Amino acid sequence: MSDSLFGELKRRNVFKVGIAYLVLAWVVIQVTDSAVPALHLPEWINTAVFFFGLIGFPFAILFAWAFEITPDGVKREEDVRTEKSITSNTGQKLNAIIIGLLVIGMGYFFYESRISTRLNVEPVAELASAEIKHAALDTPSDSTSKQPMNDEHDGNGVPGSSIAVLPFVNMSSDPEQEYFSDGISEEILNVLAKI
């Protein structure tokens, strides 16, 4: 029974429809995730798209089981004789659709993870490096002095956050440890400048 059910599911392309649906849903969710902030849409749209994609999966599987695409259009599976069925041709078309959707999905994934991240990080890294150098040069050596923090704008009027490396104070009785505390500050500054 299970072999015949598995064979029938395979013959009716239910597995291929399920895979195609999942890949398409993933691509739609990824695009929606990027489009919602860009279009200034409410955040609940992401949740709604995911919810409708989740709800639609059983219906796609049900329709793949119950209906068949024929040259005459979509017909119920019961109305198509097995010898006149073209599910193998439909299966090949579904394979092409799955491969196309995977290429689109992987291309979008590559763009998001490599190119888009680089485009967003490089200007921030340059700004952070300039702010780190500015903060390191202008910071008084007295550890008790405090400057007010402003999250909206830095000293140059540029919106965003900044990072400052304050010098470490030698709290040991050994005066030779002063080089160590200065070295830690310089090393942190150098590492942050590379980011």
N, C-alpha and C. Protein backbone atom coordinates (compact mmCIF):
# COMPACT_ATOMS: atom_id res chain seq x y z
N MET A 1 0.83 -1.20 0.00
CA MET A 1 0.00 0.00 0.00
C MET A 1 0.86 1.25 0.00
N SER A 2 1.90 1.28 0.89
CA SER A 2 2.73 2.48 0.98
C SER A 2 3.53 2.69 -0.30
N ASP A 3 3.99 1.56 -0.95
CA ASP A 3 4.72 1.71 -2.21
C ASP A 3 3.81 2.25 -3.30
N SER A 4 2.57 1.80 -3.33
CA SER A 4 1.65 2.29 -4.36
C SER A 4 1.27 3.75 -4.09
N LEU A 5 1.11 4.12 -2.81
CA LEU A 5 0.80 5.52 -2.49
C LEU A 5 1.98 6.42 -2.85
N PHE A 6 3.21 5.97 -2.50
CA PHE A 6 4.40 6.75 -2.84
C PHE A 6 4.55 6.88 -4.35
N GLY A 7 4.31 5.80 -5.06
CA GLY A 7 4.39 5.82 -6.53
C GLY A 7 3.35 6.74 -7.13
N GLU A 8 2.15 6.72 -6.57
CA GLU A 8 1.08 7.58 -7.09
C GLU A 8 1.38 9.06 -6.79
N LEU A 9 1.91 9.34 -5.59
CA LEU A 9 2.30 10.71 -5.28
C LEU A 9 3.40 11.19 -6.23
N LYS A 10 4.32 10.31 -6.54
CA LYS A 10 5.39 10.67 -7.46
C LYS A 10 4.85 10.85 -8.87
N ARG A 11 3.95 9.96 -9.30
CA ARG A 11 3.38 10.06 -10.65
C ARG A 11 2.57 11.33 -10.84
N ARG A 12 1.88 11.74 -9.80
CA ARG A 12 1.05 12.95 -9.88
C ARG A 12 1.85 14.23 -9.59
N ASN A 13 3.15 14.10 -9.43
CA ASN A 13 4.06 15.24 -9.22
C ASN A 13 3.75 16.02 -7.94
N VAL A 14 3.22 15.35 -6.93
CA VAL A 14 2.90 16.02 -5.67
C VAL A 14 4.19 16.50 -4.99
N PHE A 15 5.24 15.68 -5.01
CA PHE A 15 6.49 16.06 -4.38
C PHE A 15 7.11 17.28 -5.08
N LYS A 16 7.09 17.25 -6.40
CA LYS A 16 7.67 18.36 -7.15
C LYS A 16 6.88 19.65 -6.93
N VAL A 17 5.58 19.56 -6.86
CA VAL A 17 4.76 20.75 -6.58
C VAL A 17 5.07 21.28 -5.19
N GLY A 18 5.24 20.38 -4.22
CA GLY A 18 5.57 20.79 -2.86
C GLY A 18 6.91 21.51 -2.80
N ILE A 19 7.92 20.96 -3.49
CA ILE A 19 9.24 21.59 -3.50
C ILE A 19 9.17 22.94 -4.21
N ALA A 20 8.49 23.00 -5.34
CA ALA A 20 8.36 24.27 -6.07
C ALA A 20 7.65 25.31 -5.21
N TYR A 21 6.62 24.88 -4.50
CA TYR A 21 5.89 25.82 -3.64
C TYR A 21 6.78 26.35 -2.52
N LEU A 22 7.54 25.47 -1.88
CA LEU A 22 8.41 25.90 -0.79
C LEU A 22 9.49 26.86 -1.26
N VAL A 23 10.09 26.58 -2.42
CA VAL A 23 11.12 27.47 -2.94
C VAL A 23 10.51 28.82 -3.32
N LEU A 24 9.36 28.80 -3.98
CA LEU A 24 8.69 30.05 -4.34
C LEU A 24 8.29 30.84 -3.10
N ALA A 25 7.78 30.16 -2.09
CA ALA A 25 7.40 30.85 -0.85
C ALA A 25 8.62 31.47 -0.19
N TRP A 26 9.75 30.75 -0.19
CA TRP A 26 10.96 31.30 0.40
C TRP A 26 11.41 32.56 -0.33
N VAL A 27 11.38 32.53 -1.67
CA VAL A 27 11.78 33.71 -2.46
C VAL A 27 10.84 34.87 -2.17
N VAL A 28 9.54 34.61 -2.13
CA VAL A 28 8.57 35.69 -1.86
C VAL A 28 8.79 36.27 -0.47
N ILE A 29 9.04 35.43 0.52
CA ILE A 29 9.26 35.91 1.89
C ILE A 29 10.54 36.76 1.95
N GLN A 30 11.60 36.34 1.27
CA GLN A 30 12.84 37.11 1.27
C GLN A 30 12.67 38.46 0.60
N VAL A 31 11.98 38.47 -0.53
CA VAL A 31 11.76 39.74 -1.24
C VAL A 31 10.86 40.65 -0.41
N THR A 32 9.84 40.10 0.21
CA THR A 32 8.95 40.90 1.05
C THR A 32 9.71 41.48 2.23
N ASP A 33 10.61 40.69 2.80
CA ASP A 33 11.40 41.15 3.94
C ASP A 33 12.24 42.38 3.58
N SER A 34 12.72 42.43 2.35
CA SER A 34 13.50 43.59 1.91
C SER A 34 12.60 44.73 1.42
N ALA A 35 11.47 44.39 0.82
CA ALA A 35 10.61 45.42 0.22
C ALA A 35 9.80 46.19 1.25
N VAL A 36 9.41 45.55 2.34
CA VAL A 36 8.56 46.23 3.33
C VAL A 36 9.25 47.46 3.91
N PRO A 37 10.50 47.38 4.39
CA PRO A 37 11.13 48.61 4.89
C PRO A 37 11.39 49.63 3.78
N ALA A 38 11.75 49.14 2.58
CA ALA A 38 12.05 50.06 1.48
C ALA A 38 10.82 50.85 1.05
N LEU A 39 9.66 50.23 1.13
CA LEU A 39 8.42 50.90 0.73
C LEU A 39 7.69 51.54 1.91
N HIS A 40 8.30 51.50 3.10
CA HIS A 40 7.72 52.07 4.32
C HIS A 40 6.34 51.49 4.62
N LEU A 41 6.24 50.16 4.45
CA LEU A 41 4.99 49.46 4.75
C LEU A 41 5.02 48.99 6.20
N PRO A 42 3.86 48.70 6.77
CA PRO A 42 3.84 48.22 8.17
C PRO A 42 4.53 46.86 8.29
N GLU A 43 5.11 46.62 9.46
CA GLU A 43 5.84 45.37 9.73
C GLU A 43 4.95 44.13 9.69
N TRP A 44 3.66 44.27 9.97
CA TRP A 44 2.79 43.10 10.02
C TRP A 44 2.62 42.46 8.64
N ILE A 45 3.02 43.15 7.58
CA ILE A 45 2.90 42.57 6.24
C ILE A 45 3.82 41.36 6.11
N ASN A 46 5.00 41.42 6.70
CA ASN A 46 5.90 40.26 6.68
C ASN A 46 5.24 39.05 7.33
N THR A 47 4.59 39.28 8.47
CA THR A 47 3.91 38.19 9.16
C THR A 47 2.76 37.64 8.32
N ALA A 48 2.01 38.54 7.68
CA ALA A 48 0.88 38.10 6.85
C ALA A 48 1.35 37.28 5.65
N VAL A 49 2.43 37.71 5.01
CA VAL A 49 2.95 36.96 3.85
C VAL A 49 3.41 35.57 4.29
N PHE A 50 4.11 35.49 5.42
CA PHE A 50 4.54 34.19 5.92
C PHE A 50 3.34 33.31 6.27
N PHE A 51 2.33 33.91 6.92
CA PHE A 51 1.14 33.16 7.32
C PHE A 51 0.40 32.62 6.10
N PHE A 52 0.18 33.46 5.08
CA PHE A 52 -0.54 33.00 3.89
C PHE A 52 0.27 31.97 3.12
N GLY A 53 1.60 32.11 3.12
CA GLY A 53 2.44 31.10 2.49
C GLY A 53 2.34 29.77 3.19
N LEU A 54 2.26 29.80 4.52
CA LEU A 54 2.13 28.58 5.31
C LEU A 54 0.76 27.93 5.09
N ILE A 55 -0.26 28.76 5.06
CA ILE A 55 -1.63 28.25 4.86
C ILE A 55 -1.81 27.69 3.45
N GLY A 56 -1.14 28.27 2.47
CA GLY A 56 -1.31 27.84 1.08
C GLY A 56 -0.66 26.51 0.76
N PHE A 57 0.32 26.08 1.55
CA PHE A 57 1.04 24.84 1.24
C PHE A 57 0.13 23.62 1.16
N PRO A 58 -0.74 23.36 2.16
CA PRO A 58 -1.61 22.18 2.03
C PRO A 58 -2.54 22.25 0.82
N PHE A 59 -2.98 23.47 0.47
CA PHE A 59 -3.85 23.61 -0.70
C PHE A 59 -3.09 23.28 -1.99
N ALA A 60 -1.84 23.69 -2.08
CA ALA A 60 -1.04 23.37 -3.26
C ALA A 60 -0.86 21.86 -3.39
N ILE A 61 -0.60 21.19 -2.27
CA ILE A 61 -0.45 19.74 -2.28
C ILE A 61 -1.76 19.06 -2.67
N LEU A 62 -2.86 19.56 -2.13
CA LEU A 62 -4.18 19.00 -2.45
C LEU A 62 -4.50 19.17 -3.93
N PHE A 63 -4.25 20.34 -4.48
CA PHE A 63 -4.53 20.57 -5.90
C PHE A 63 -3.61 19.73 -6.78
N ALA A 64 -2.36 19.53 -6.36
CA ALA A 64 -1.46 18.67 -7.14
C ALA A 64 -1.96 17.22 -7.15
N TRP A 65 -2.56 16.80 -6.05
CA TRP A 65 -3.09 15.45 -5.98
C TRP A 65 -4.39 15.30 -6.79
N ALA A 66 -5.26 16.28 -6.69
CA ALA A 66 -6.60 16.15 -7.26
C ALA A 66 -6.71 16.56 -8.72
N PHE A 67 -5.80 17.40 -9.21
CA PHE A 67 -5.93 17.92 -10.58
C PHE A 67 -4.68 17.61 -11.39
N GLU A 68 -4.86 17.63 -12.71
CA GLU A 68 -3.75 17.40 -13.62
C GLU A 68 -3.83 18.43 -14.74
N ILE A 69 -2.67 18.92 -15.13
CA ILE A 69 -2.60 19.86 -16.25
C ILE A 69 -2.49 19.05 -17.53
N THR A 70 -3.43 19.26 -18.43
CA THR A 70 -3.45 18.56 -19.70
C THR A 70 -3.38 19.58 -20.84
N PRO A 71 -3.17 19.12 -22.07
CA PRO A 71 -3.19 20.07 -23.19
C PRO A 71 -4.55 20.77 -23.33
N ASP A 72 -5.60 20.14 -22.82
CA ASP A 72 -6.94 20.73 -22.89
C ASP A 72 -7.23 21.63 -21.69
N GLY A 73 -6.29 21.78 -20.78
CA GLY A 73 -6.49 22.60 -19.60
C GLY A 73 -6.37 21.77 -18.33
N VAL A 74 -6.75 22.36 -17.22
CA VAL A 74 -6.69 21.67 -15.94
C VAL A 74 -7.94 20.80 -15.79
N LYS A 75 -7.71 19.52 -15.51
CA LYS A 75 -8.81 18.58 -15.34
C LYS A 75 -8.62 17.82 -14.04
N ARG A 76 -9.73 17.29 -13.55
CA ARG A 76 -9.64 16.43 -12.37
C ARG A 76 -8.90 15.16 -12.73
N GLU A 77 -8.16 14.64 -11.79
CA GLU A 77 -7.35 13.45 -12.01
C GLU A 77 -8.21 12.26 -12.43
N GLU A 78 -9.42 12.19 -11.90
CA GLU A 78 -10.32 11.08 -12.22
C GLU A 78 -10.76 11.11 -13.68
N ASP A 79 -10.79 12.30 -14.28
CA ASP A 79 -11.28 12.43 -15.65
C ASP A 79 -10.22 12.15 -16.70
N VAL A 80 -8.97 11.97 -16.29
CA VAL A 80 -7.87 11.73 -17.23
C VAL A 80 -7.47 10.27 -17.12
N ARG A 81 -7.49 9.58 -18.27
CA ARG A 81 -7.06 8.18 -18.27
C ARG A 81 -5.55 8.11 -18.10
N THR A 82 -5.08 7.07 -17.44
CA THR A 82 -3.67 6.93 -17.11
C THR A 82 -2.80 6.90 -18.36
N GLU A 83 -3.25 6.24 -19.43
CA GLU A 83 -2.44 6.15 -20.65
C GLU A 83 -2.39 7.49 -21.41
N LYS A 84 -3.35 8.38 -21.16
CA LYS A 84 -3.33 9.69 -21.82
C LYS A 84 -2.77 10.77 -20.91
N SER A 85 -2.30 10.40 -19.75
CA SER A 85 -1.75 11.37 -18.80
C SER A 85 -0.40 11.88 -19.29
N ILE A 86 -0.17 13.15 -19.09
CA ILE A 86 1.11 13.75 -19.49
C ILE A 86 1.87 14.25 -18.25
N THR A 87 1.71 13.52 -17.16
CA THR A 87 2.37 13.95 -15.92
C THR A 87 3.89 13.94 -16.05
N SER A 88 4.44 13.09 -16.93
CA SER A 88 5.90 13.10 -17.10
C SER A 88 6.35 14.41 -17.75
N ASN A 89 5.59 14.90 -18.73
CA ASN A 89 5.92 16.21 -19.33
C ASN A 89 5.75 17.33 -18.32
N THR A 90 4.67 17.25 -17.54
CA THR A 90 4.45 18.25 -16.50
C THR A 90 5.56 18.19 -15.46
N GLY A 91 6.01 16.97 -15.15
CA GLY A 91 7.11 16.80 -14.20
C GLY A 91 8.39 17.45 -14.69
N GLN A 92 8.68 17.33 -16.00
CA GLN A 92 9.86 17.97 -16.56
C GLN A 92 9.74 19.50 -16.49
N LYS A 93 8.55 20.00 -16.74
CA LYS A 93 8.33 21.45 -16.63
C LYS A 93 8.48 21.91 -15.18
N LEU A 94 7.99 21.09 -14.26
CA LEU A 94 8.14 21.42 -12.84
C LEU A 94 9.61 21.41 -12.43
N ASN A 95 10.39 20.47 -12.98
CA ASN A 95 11.83 20.45 -12.70
C ASN A 95 12.48 21.75 -13.16
N ALA A 96 12.11 22.20 -14.35
CA ALA A 96 12.67 23.46 -14.87
C ALA A 96 12.25 24.64 -13.99
N ILE A 97 11.01 24.64 -13.53
CA ILE A 97 10.53 25.72 -12.66
C ILE A 97 11.28 25.70 -11.34
N ILE A 98 11.47 24.50 -10.77
CA ILE A 98 12.20 24.39 -9.50
C ILE A 98 13.63 24.89 -9.66
N ILE A 99 14.29 24.49 -10.73
CA ILE A 99 15.67 24.92 -10.96
C ILE A 99 15.72 26.43 -11.15
N GLY A 100 14.79 26.98 -11.92
CA GLY A 100 14.74 28.43 -12.11
C GLY A 100 14.52 29.18 -10.81
N LEU A 101 13.59 28.69 -9.99
CA LEU A 101 13.34 29.34 -8.70
C LEU A 101 14.53 29.22 -7.77
N LEU A 102 15.22 28.08 -7.79
CA LEU A 102 16.42 27.92 -6.97
C LEU A 102 17.53 28.86 -7.42
N VAL A 103 17.67 29.05 -8.73
CA VAL A 103 18.68 29.98 -9.23
C VAL A 103 18.34 31.40 -8.79
N ILE A 104 17.06 31.78 -8.89
CA ILE A 104 16.64 33.11 -8.43
C ILE A 104 16.88 33.25 -6.93
N GLY A 105 16.49 32.23 -6.17
CA GLY A 105 16.66 32.27 -4.72
C GLY A 105 18.11 32.34 -4.31
N MET A 106 18.97 31.54 -4.94
CA MET A 106 20.39 31.56 -4.59
C MET A 106 21.03 32.88 -5.04
N GLY A 107 20.60 33.40 -6.18
CA GLY A 107 21.10 34.71 -6.62
C GLY A 107 20.73 35.79 -5.63
N TYR A 108 19.50 35.76 -5.16
CA TYR A 108 19.06 36.75 -4.18
C TYR A 108 19.82 36.57 -2.87
N PHE A 109 20.00 35.32 -2.45
CA PHE A 109 20.76 35.04 -1.23
C PHE A 109 22.19 35.55 -1.35
N PHE A 110 22.83 35.31 -2.50
CA PHE A 110 24.20 35.78 -2.71
C PHE A 110 24.23 37.30 -2.68
N TYR A 111 23.27 37.95 -3.31
CA TYR A 111 23.22 39.41 -3.32
C TYR A 111 23.07 39.95 -1.90
N GLU A 112 22.16 39.37 -1.13
CA GLU A 112 21.91 39.84 0.23
C GLU A 112 23.11 39.60 1.14
N SER A 113 23.73 38.43 1.02
CA SER A 113 24.80 38.09 1.96
C SER A 113 26.15 38.69 1.57
N ARG A 114 26.42 38.89 0.31
CA ARG A 114 27.75 39.35 -0.11
C ARG A 114 27.73 40.82 -0.56
N ILE A 115 26.95 41.12 -1.55
CA ILE A 115 27.02 42.44 -2.19
C ILE A 115 26.33 43.49 -1.34
N SER A 116 25.10 43.23 -0.91
CA SER A 116 24.36 44.22 -0.14
C SER A 116 25.03 44.49 1.19
N THR A 117 25.56 43.48 1.83
CA THR A 117 26.25 43.66 3.11
C THR A 117 27.49 44.51 2.92
N ARG A 118 28.25 44.26 1.85
CA ARG A 118 29.45 45.05 1.58
C ARG A 118 29.10 46.51 1.31
N LEU A 119 28.03 46.73 0.55
CA LEU A 119 27.63 48.11 0.24
C LEU A 119 27.21 48.85 1.49
N ASN A 120 26.59 48.15 2.43
CA ASN A 120 26.13 48.79 3.67
C ASN A 120 27.25 48.95 4.68
N VAL A 121 28.24 48.05 4.69
CA VAL A 121 29.28 48.06 5.71
C VAL A 121 30.39 49.05 5.38
N GLU A 122 30.78 49.17 4.11
CA GLU A 122 31.93 50.00 3.76
C GLU A 122 31.76 51.46 4.17
N PRO A 123 30.63 52.12 3.86
CA PRO A 123 30.50 53.51 4.32
C PRO A 123 30.48 53.62 5.83
N VAL A 124 29.87 52.67 6.51
CA VAL A 124 29.82 52.70 7.97
C VAL A 124 31.22 52.50 8.54
N ALA A 125 32.00 51.60 7.93
CA ALA A 125 33.35 51.35 8.41
C ALA A 125 34.22 52.59 8.23
N GLU A 126 34.09 53.29 7.09
CA GLU A 126 34.86 54.50 6.89
C GLU A 126 34.48 55.57 7.90
N LEU A 127 33.19 55.73 8.14
CA LEU A 127 32.72 56.71 9.11
C LEU A 127 33.19 56.34 10.52
N ALA A 128 33.09 55.06 10.87
CA ALA A 128 33.52 54.62 12.19
C ALA A 128 35.02 54.81 12.37
N SER A 129 35.79 54.52 11.34
CA SER A 129 37.23 54.70 11.42
C SER A 129 37.58 56.17 11.66
N ALA A 130 36.92 57.06 10.94
CA ALA A 130 37.17 58.50 11.12
C ALA A 130 36.77 58.94 12.53
N GLU A 131 35.65 58.42 13.02
CA GLU A 131 35.19 58.79 14.36
C GLU A 131 36.12 58.23 15.43
N ILE A 132 36.64 57.03 15.20
CA ILE A 132 37.56 56.43 16.17
C ILE A 132 38.83 57.26 16.26
N LYS A 133 39.37 57.63 15.10
CA LYS A 133 40.58 58.44 15.11
C LYS A 133 40.32 59.80 15.76
N HIS A 134 39.19 60.41 15.43
CA HIS A 134 38.84 61.70 16.01
C HIS A 134 38.70 61.59 17.53
N ALA A 135 38.03 60.53 17.98
CA ALA A 135 37.82 60.34 19.41
C ALA A 135 39.13 60.04 20.13
N ALA A 136 40.01 59.27 19.47
CA ALA A 136 41.28 58.93 20.11
C ALA A 136 42.18 60.15 20.25
N LEU A 137 42.12 61.05 19.29
CA LEU A 137 42.97 62.23 19.34
C LEU A 137 42.45 63.29 20.31
N ASP A 138 41.12 63.39 20.42
CA ASP A 138 40.52 64.45 21.22
C ASP A 138 40.17 64.04 22.64
N THR A 139 40.37 62.78 23.00
CA THR A 139 39.96 62.31 24.31
C THR A 139 40.98 62.74 25.35
N PRO A 140 40.54 63.39 26.42
CA PRO A 140 41.48 63.76 27.48
C PRO A 140 41.93 62.51 28.21
N SER A 141 43.14 62.58 28.77
CA SER A 141 43.68 61.40 29.45
C SER A 141 43.07 61.19 30.81
N ASP A 142 42.35 62.17 31.32
CA ASP A 142 41.71 62.04 32.62
C ASP A 142 40.50 61.12 32.49
N SER A 143 40.47 60.03 33.21
CA SER A 143 39.38 59.06 33.07
C SER A 143 38.10 59.52 33.75
N THR A 144 38.16 60.56 34.55
CA THR A 144 36.94 61.00 35.23
C THR A 144 36.14 61.98 34.41
N SER A 145 36.72 62.55 33.34
CA SER A 145 35.95 63.50 32.53
C SER A 145 34.98 62.74 31.65
N LYS A 146 33.80 63.28 31.51
CA LYS A 146 32.76 62.62 30.74
C LYS A 146 32.22 63.59 29.71
N GLN A 147 31.93 63.05 28.53
CA GLN A 147 31.31 63.86 27.49
C GLN A 147 29.88 63.37 27.32
N PRO A 148 28.94 64.28 27.06
CA PRO A 148 27.57 63.84 26.88
C PRO A 148 27.43 63.01 25.61
N MET A 149 26.63 61.96 25.70
CA MET A 149 26.39 61.08 24.57
C MET A 149 25.16 61.57 23.82
N ASN A 150 25.23 61.64 22.52
CA ASN A 150 24.11 62.04 21.69
C ASN A 150 23.91 60.96 20.64
N ASP A 151 22.81 60.22 20.72
CA ASP A 151 22.57 59.11 19.81
C ASP A 151 22.14 59.57 18.43
N GLU A 152 21.58 60.77 18.33
CA GLU A 152 21.05 61.20 17.04
C GLU A 152 22.12 61.74 16.12
N HIS A 153 23.05 62.53 16.65
CA HIS A 153 24.08 63.12 15.81
C HIS A 153 25.41 63.08 16.54
N ASP A 154 26.48 62.86 15.76
CA ASP A 154 27.79 62.97 16.36
C ASP A 154 28.28 64.41 16.22
N GLY A 155 29.53 64.66 16.55
CA GLY A 155 30.06 66.01 16.53
C GLY A 155 30.07 66.64 15.15
N ASN A 156 30.10 65.84 14.09
CA ASN A 156 30.15 66.36 12.73
C ASN A 156 28.77 66.58 12.14
N GLY A 157 27.71 66.33 12.88
CA GLY A 157 26.36 66.48 12.36
C GLY A 157 25.90 65.30 11.53
N VAL A 158 26.64 64.18 11.57
CA VAL A 158 26.29 63.00 10.81
C VAL A 158 25.44 62.10 11.69
N PRO A 159 24.24 61.69 11.23
CA PRO A 159 23.42 60.83 12.07
C PRO A 159 24.05 59.45 12.22
N GLY A 160 23.85 58.84 13.38
CA GLY A 160 24.35 57.50 13.60
C GLY A 160 25.05 57.37 14.94
N SER A 161 25.61 56.22 15.17
CA SER A 161 26.32 55.93 16.40
C SER A 161 27.80 56.02 16.15
N SER A 162 28.57 56.20 17.20
CA SER A 162 30.01 56.24 17.06
C SER A 162 30.65 55.37 18.13
N ILE A 163 31.90 55.03 17.89
CA ILE A 163 32.67 54.22 18.82
C ILE A 163 33.89 55.03 19.23
N ALA A 164 34.17 55.08 20.50
CA ALA A 164 35.36 55.79 20.99
C ALA A 164 36.18 54.82 21.83
N VAL A 165 37.48 54.82 21.65
CA VAL A 165 38.38 54.01 22.45
C VAL A 165 39.07 54.96 23.42
N LEU A 166 38.70 54.84 24.66
CA LEU A 166 39.30 55.70 25.69
C LEU A 166 40.57 55.04 26.21
N PRO A 167 41.55 55.85 26.58
CA PRO A 167 42.80 55.24 27.08
C PRO A 167 42.58 54.55 28.42
N PHE A 168 43.28 53.43 28.59
CA PHE A 168 43.22 52.72 29.85
C PHE A 168 44.15 53.40 30.86
N VAL A 169 43.75 53.37 32.10
CA VAL A 169 44.55 53.98 33.16
C VAL A 169 45.33 52.89 33.87
N ASN A 170 46.59 53.12 34.10
CA ASN A 170 47.43 52.18 34.83
C ASN A 170 47.07 52.27 36.31
N MET A 171 46.40 51.27 36.83
CA MET A 171 45.97 51.28 38.22
C MET A 171 46.89 50.45 39.11
N SER A 172 47.94 49.90 38.49
CA SER A 172 48.88 49.12 39.30
C SER A 172 49.95 50.05 39.87
N SER A 173 50.70 49.55 40.82
CA SER A 173 51.77 50.35 41.42
C SER A 173 53.03 50.33 40.56
N ASP A 174 53.08 49.46 39.56
CA ASP A 174 54.25 49.34 38.70
C ASP A 174 54.15 50.35 37.54
N PRO A 175 55.06 51.30 37.44
CA PRO A 175 54.97 52.30 36.36
C PRO A 175 55.26 51.71 34.98
N GLU A 176 55.88 50.54 34.90
CA GLU A 176 56.16 49.92 33.61
C GLU A 176 54.88 49.38 32.95
N GLN A 177 53.83 49.22 33.72
CA GLN A 177 52.57 48.73 33.17
C GLN A 177 51.85 49.80 32.34
N GLU A 178 52.35 51.04 32.39
CA GLU A 178 51.76 52.12 31.60
C GLU A 178 51.83 51.80 30.11
N TYR A 179 52.95 51.19 29.68
CA TYR A 179 53.09 50.79 28.28
C TYR A 179 52.05 49.75 27.89
N PHE A 180 51.78 48.85 28.83
CA PHE A 180 50.79 47.80 28.57
C PHE A 180 49.40 48.40 28.38
N SER A 181 49.00 49.32 29.25
CA SER A 181 47.66 49.91 29.12
C SER A 181 47.56 50.76 27.86
N ASP A 182 48.63 51.47 27.49
CA ASP A 182 48.63 52.23 26.24
C ASP A 182 48.56 51.29 25.04
N GLY A 183 49.26 50.18 25.13
CA GLY A 183 49.27 49.21 24.03
C GLY A 183 47.91 48.59 23.78
N ILE A 184 47.18 48.31 24.86
CA ILE A 184 45.83 47.75 24.70
C ILE A 184 44.93 48.75 23.97
N SER A 185 45.00 50.02 24.36
CA SER A 185 44.18 51.05 23.70
C SER A 185 44.53 51.14 22.22
N GLU A 186 45.81 51.15 21.90
CA GLU A 186 46.24 51.26 20.51
C GLU A 186 45.81 50.03 19.70
N GLU A 187 45.92 48.84 20.29
CA GLU A 187 45.55 47.62 19.56
C GLU A 187 44.04 47.60 19.28
N ILE A 188 43.24 47.96 20.26
CA ILE A 188 41.79 48.02 20.04
C ILE A 188 41.45 49.03 18.95
N LEU A 189 42.13 50.18 18.99
CA LEU A 189 41.91 51.20 17.97
C LEU A 189 42.28 50.68 16.58
N ASN A 190 43.40 49.97 16.46
CA ASN A 190 43.84 49.42 15.18
C ASN A 190 42.87 48.37 14.65
N VAL A 191 42.39 47.51 15.53
CA VAL A 191 41.44 46.47 15.10
C VAL A 191 40.13 47.09 14.66
N LEU A 192 39.63 48.07 15.40
CA LEU A 192 38.37 48.72 15.02
C LEU A 192 38.50 49.51 13.73
N ALA A 193 39.66 50.08 13.48
CA ALA A 193 39.88 50.84 12.24
C ALA A 193 39.83 49.95 11.02
N LYS A 194 40.17 48.66 11.18
CA LYS A 194 40.14 47.72 10.05
C LYS A 194 38.73 47.27 9.70
N ILE A 195 37.78 47.43 10.63
CA ILE A 195 36.41 46.96 10.39
C ILE A 195 35.72 47.90 9.42
